[in-house]
Amino acid sequence: MKATKTPIPEFANEAEEALFWQAHDTVDYVDWSMAKAVTFANLQPSLKSISLRLPEPMLARLKSLANERDVPYQSLIKMILADHLAHS
C-alpha cells in the first residue's frame, strides 16, 4: 500500500469533480483504512405519498403520454405539476 496518498485536486464545480472521479480510483487519493462508519438517525424521506383519484380517461391519457416519453406515468404527473408550479 502506498504510504502517502495523492492530494485530491480542487474542482471548479461538481460536474468537473464527477468527471475526475469517473477517470480516477479513490484508492490513490483516500486512505480508506481510516474511514469510520456513520449513522444518520432521524432522516425523514423528502417525498410524501398521496392518494389521488383521477377519471379513467385522464389516467389512460397520462399513461399513453408517459409511454411515448418512456417514463413512468407517476413521474410524468410530477413533471407536469412541477412545470405548472414553476410557471404560476
N, C-alpha and C. Protein backbone atom coordinates (compact mmCIF):
# COMPACT_ATOMS: atom_id res chain seq x y z
N MET A 1 0.85 -1.19 0.00
CA MET A 1 0.00 0.00 0.00
C MET A 1 0.89 1.24 0.00
N LYS A 2 0.51 2.21 -0.74
CA LYS A 2 1.22 3.47 -0.86
C LYS A 2 1.21 4.21 0.48
N ALA A 3 2.36 4.69 0.93
CA ALA A 3 2.44 5.37 2.22
C ALA A 3 1.73 6.72 2.20
N THR A 4 1.97 7.51 1.16
CA THR A 4 1.30 8.81 1.07
C THR A 4 0.37 8.81 -0.13
N LYS A 5 -0.74 9.43 0.05
CA LYS A 5 -1.75 9.48 -0.99
C LYS A 5 -1.59 10.76 -1.80
N THR A 6 -2.02 10.71 -3.04
CA THR A 6 -2.01 11.88 -3.91
C THR A 6 -3.08 12.84 -3.41
N PRO A 7 -2.74 14.12 -3.29
CA PRO A 7 -3.77 15.09 -2.83
C PRO A 7 -4.92 15.18 -3.84
N ILE A 8 -6.12 15.33 -3.31
CA ILE A 8 -7.29 15.49 -4.18
C ILE A 8 -7.26 16.92 -4.72
N PRO A 9 -7.36 17.08 -6.04
CA PRO A 9 -7.31 18.43 -6.61
C PRO A 9 -8.54 19.26 -6.26
N GLU A 10 -8.41 20.55 -6.42
CA GLU A 10 -9.55 21.46 -6.25
C GLU A 10 -10.38 21.42 -7.54
N PHE A 11 -11.70 21.48 -7.39
CA PHE A 11 -12.59 21.43 -8.54
C PHE A 11 -13.39 22.72 -8.62
N ALA A 12 -13.65 23.17 -9.84
CA ALA A 12 -14.43 24.40 -10.04
C ALA A 12 -15.91 24.17 -9.75
N ASN A 13 -16.38 22.93 -9.97
CA ASN A 13 -17.79 22.63 -9.77
C ASN A 13 -17.98 21.12 -9.64
N GLU A 14 -19.20 20.71 -9.35
CA GLU A 14 -19.49 19.29 -9.17
C GLU A 14 -19.32 18.50 -10.45
N ALA A 15 -19.64 19.11 -11.58
CA ALA A 15 -19.51 18.40 -12.87
C ALA A 15 -18.05 18.05 -13.13
N GLU A 16 -17.17 19.00 -12.86
CA GLU A 16 -15.73 18.75 -13.03
C GLU A 16 -15.26 17.65 -12.10
N GLU A 17 -15.74 17.68 -10.86
CA GLU A 17 -15.37 16.64 -9.89
C GLU A 17 -15.89 15.27 -10.33
N ALA A 18 -17.12 15.23 -10.83
CA ALA A 18 -17.70 13.96 -11.29
C ALA A 18 -16.87 13.37 -12.43
N LEU A 19 -16.45 14.20 -13.37
CA LEU A 19 -15.61 13.72 -14.47
C LEU A 19 -14.28 13.19 -13.96
N PHE A 20 -13.72 13.87 -12.97
CA PHE A 20 -12.45 13.42 -12.38
C PHE A 20 -12.59 12.03 -11.78
N TRP A 21 -13.64 11.84 -10.96
CA TRP A 21 -13.80 10.55 -10.27
C TRP A 21 -14.20 9.43 -11.20
N GLN A 22 -14.78 9.76 -12.35
CA GLN A 22 -15.09 8.73 -13.34
C GLN A 22 -13.80 8.16 -13.94
N ALA A 23 -12.76 8.97 -13.95
CA ALA A 23 -11.50 8.57 -14.58
C ALA A 23 -10.42 8.16 -13.57
N HIS A 24 -10.67 8.32 -12.26
CA HIS A 24 -9.66 8.03 -11.25
C HIS A 24 -10.21 7.11 -10.17
N ASP A 25 -9.33 6.34 -9.56
CA ASP A 25 -9.70 5.44 -8.47
C ASP A 25 -9.43 6.13 -7.14
N THR A 26 -10.39 6.07 -6.24
CA THR A 26 -10.23 6.73 -4.94
C THR A 26 -9.09 6.13 -4.12
N VAL A 27 -8.69 4.90 -4.41
CA VAL A 27 -7.62 4.24 -3.66
C VAL A 27 -6.33 5.06 -3.71
N ASP A 28 -6.10 5.76 -4.82
CA ASP A 28 -4.89 6.58 -4.94
C ASP A 28 -4.98 7.88 -4.15
N TYR A 29 -6.18 8.25 -3.69
CA TYR A 29 -6.39 9.55 -3.07
C TYR A 29 -6.90 9.49 -1.63
N VAL A 30 -7.52 8.37 -1.25
CA VAL A 30 -8.15 8.28 0.06
C VAL A 30 -7.63 7.05 0.79
N ASP A 31 -7.27 7.22 2.05
CA ASP A 31 -6.87 6.09 2.89
C ASP A 31 -8.13 5.54 3.54
N TRP A 32 -8.72 4.55 2.88
CA TRP A 32 -9.99 4.00 3.34
C TRP A 32 -9.87 3.25 4.65
N SER A 33 -8.65 2.91 5.07
CA SER A 33 -8.49 2.23 6.36
C SER A 33 -8.81 3.18 7.51
N MET A 34 -8.82 4.47 7.23
CA MET A 34 -9.14 5.48 8.26
C MET A 34 -10.63 5.83 8.28
N ALA A 35 -11.39 5.27 7.35
CA ALA A 35 -12.82 5.59 7.27
C ALA A 35 -13.57 5.02 8.47
N LYS A 36 -14.60 5.74 8.89
CA LYS A 36 -15.43 5.31 10.01
C LYS A 36 -16.88 5.23 9.56
N ALA A 37 -17.57 4.23 10.06
CA ALA A 37 -18.99 4.10 9.75
C ALA A 37 -19.78 5.18 10.48
N VAL A 38 -20.78 5.71 9.81
CA VAL A 38 -21.65 6.71 10.44
C VAL A 38 -23.10 6.29 10.28
N THR A 39 -23.91 6.78 11.18
CA THR A 39 -25.34 6.52 11.12
C THR A 39 -26.05 7.86 11.09
N PHE A 40 -26.98 8.00 10.17
CA PHE A 40 -27.77 9.22 10.08
C PHE A 40 -29.13 8.93 10.69
N ALA A 41 -29.26 9.25 11.94
CA ALA A 41 -30.50 8.99 12.66
C ALA A 41 -31.53 10.06 12.31
N ASN A 42 -32.78 9.67 12.39
CA ASN A 42 -33.91 10.59 12.23
C ASN A 42 -34.01 11.24 10.85
N LEU A 43 -33.46 10.59 9.82
CA LEU A 43 -33.63 11.13 8.47
C LEU A 43 -35.08 10.87 8.04
N GLN A 44 -35.68 11.88 7.47
CA GLN A 44 -37.05 11.76 7.01
C GLN A 44 -37.07 11.77 5.48
N PRO A 45 -37.89 10.94 4.87
CA PRO A 45 -37.97 10.99 3.41
C PRO A 45 -38.48 12.35 2.95
N SER A 46 -37.97 12.80 1.83
CA SER A 46 -38.37 14.11 1.34
C SER A 46 -39.64 14.04 0.48
N LEU A 47 -40.13 12.84 0.28
CA LEU A 47 -41.34 12.68 -0.51
C LEU A 47 -42.49 12.24 0.37
N LYS A 48 -43.66 12.66 0.03
CA LYS A 48 -44.87 12.30 0.76
C LYS A 48 -45.79 11.56 -0.20
N SER A 49 -46.21 10.39 0.19
CA SER A 49 -47.16 9.63 -0.63
C SER A 49 -48.56 10.22 -0.46
N ILE A 50 -49.26 10.30 -1.59
CA ILE A 50 -50.64 10.77 -1.55
C ILE A 50 -51.50 9.81 -2.37
N SER A 51 -52.77 9.87 -2.13
CA SER A 51 -53.73 9.12 -2.94
C SER A 51 -54.47 10.13 -3.79
N LEU A 52 -54.53 9.87 -5.06
CA LEU A 52 -55.16 10.82 -5.98
C LEU A 52 -56.11 10.06 -6.90
N ARG A 53 -57.35 10.46 -6.89
CA ARG A 53 -58.34 9.81 -7.74
C ARG A 53 -58.49 10.63 -9.02
N LEU A 54 -58.30 9.94 -10.16
CA LEU A 54 -58.41 10.60 -11.46
C LEU A 54 -59.45 9.87 -12.30
N PRO A 55 -60.12 10.62 -13.17
CA PRO A 55 -61.04 9.96 -14.10
C PRO A 55 -60.23 8.97 -14.97
N GLU A 56 -60.84 7.83 -15.27
CA GLU A 56 -60.14 6.80 -16.04
C GLU A 56 -59.61 7.31 -17.38
N PRO A 57 -60.39 8.10 -18.14
CA PRO A 57 -59.84 8.60 -19.42
C PRO A 57 -58.60 9.48 -19.22
N MET A 58 -58.58 10.28 -18.15
CA MET A 58 -57.42 11.12 -17.87
C MET A 58 -56.20 10.26 -17.54
N LEU A 59 -56.40 9.25 -16.71
CA LEU A 59 -55.30 8.36 -16.35
C LEU A 59 -54.79 7.61 -17.58
N ALA A 60 -55.71 7.16 -18.43
CA ALA A 60 -55.31 6.47 -19.66
C ALA A 60 -54.47 7.38 -20.55
N ARG A 61 -54.88 8.65 -20.65
CA ARG A 61 -54.12 9.62 -21.47
C ARG A 61 -52.75 9.87 -20.87
N LEU A 62 -52.68 10.01 -19.54
CA LEU A 62 -51.39 10.21 -18.88
C LEU A 62 -50.47 9.01 -19.10
N LYS A 63 -51.01 7.82 -19.00
CA LYS A 63 -50.20 6.62 -19.23
C LYS A 63 -49.72 6.55 -20.67
N SER A 64 -50.56 6.95 -21.60
CA SER A 64 -50.18 6.96 -23.01
C SER A 64 -49.04 7.96 -23.25
N LEU A 65 -49.20 9.17 -22.71
CA LEU A 65 -48.15 10.19 -22.85
C LEU A 65 -46.85 9.73 -22.20
N ALA A 66 -46.96 9.11 -21.03
CA ALA A 66 -45.77 8.62 -20.33
C ALA A 66 -45.08 7.54 -21.16
N ASN A 67 -45.86 6.68 -21.77
CA ASN A 67 -45.30 5.62 -22.61
C ASN A 67 -44.56 6.22 -23.81
N GLU A 68 -45.12 7.26 -24.41
CA GLU A 68 -44.47 7.94 -25.54
C GLU A 68 -43.13 8.53 -25.12
N ARG A 69 -43.05 9.01 -23.88
CA ARG A 69 -41.82 9.64 -23.37
C ARG A 69 -40.91 8.64 -22.66
N ASP A 70 -41.36 7.39 -22.56
CA ASP A 70 -40.61 6.32 -21.91
C ASP A 70 -40.27 6.66 -20.45
N VAL A 71 -41.28 7.15 -19.73
CA VAL A 71 -41.14 7.43 -18.30
C VAL A 71 -42.35 6.83 -17.58
N PRO A 72 -42.21 6.51 -16.30
CA PRO A 72 -43.38 6.04 -15.55
C PRO A 72 -44.43 7.15 -15.47
N TYR A 73 -45.70 6.77 -15.48
CA TYR A 73 -46.75 7.79 -15.51
C TYR A 73 -46.75 8.65 -14.24
N GLN A 74 -46.35 8.07 -13.10
CA GLN A 74 -46.28 8.88 -11.88
C GLN A 74 -45.22 9.98 -12.02
N SER A 75 -44.11 9.63 -12.67
CA SER A 75 -43.06 10.63 -12.90
C SER A 75 -43.55 11.72 -13.84
N LEU A 76 -44.30 11.33 -14.86
CA LEU A 76 -44.86 12.32 -15.77
C LEU A 76 -45.79 13.27 -15.03
N ILE A 77 -46.63 12.74 -14.16
CA ILE A 77 -47.53 13.59 -13.38
C ILE A 77 -46.72 14.59 -12.56
N LYS A 78 -45.65 14.11 -11.90
CA LYS A 78 -44.80 15.03 -11.12
C LYS A 78 -44.16 16.09 -12.00
N MET A 79 -43.72 15.69 -13.20
CA MET A 79 -43.10 16.67 -14.11
C MET A 79 -44.11 17.73 -14.53
N ILE A 80 -45.33 17.30 -14.85
CA ILE A 80 -46.38 18.24 -15.25
C ILE A 80 -46.70 19.20 -14.10
N LEU A 81 -46.85 18.66 -12.90
CA LEU A 81 -47.14 19.52 -11.75
C LEU A 81 -45.99 20.49 -11.46
N ALA A 82 -44.76 20.01 -11.52
CA ALA A 82 -43.60 20.88 -11.27
C ALA A 82 -43.54 22.00 -12.30
N ASP A 83 -43.78 21.66 -13.57
CA ASP A 83 -43.76 22.67 -14.63
C ASP A 83 -44.85 23.71 -14.42
N HIS A 84 -46.04 23.24 -14.07
CA HIS A 84 -47.14 24.17 -13.83
C HIS A 84 -46.84 25.09 -12.64
N LEU A 85 -46.30 24.52 -11.57
CA LEU A 85 -45.98 25.34 -10.40
C LEU A 85 -44.87 26.33 -10.68
N ALA A 86 -43.92 25.95 -11.52
CA ALA A 86 -42.82 26.86 -11.86
C ALA A 86 -43.30 28.05 -12.69
N HIS A 87 -44.39 27.85 -13.41
CA HIS A 87 -44.90 28.92 -14.28
C HIS A 87 -46.11 29.65 -13.70
N SER A 88 -46.40 29.42 -12.43
CA SER A 88 -47.56 30.10 -11.85
C SER A 88 -47.15 31.06 -10.76
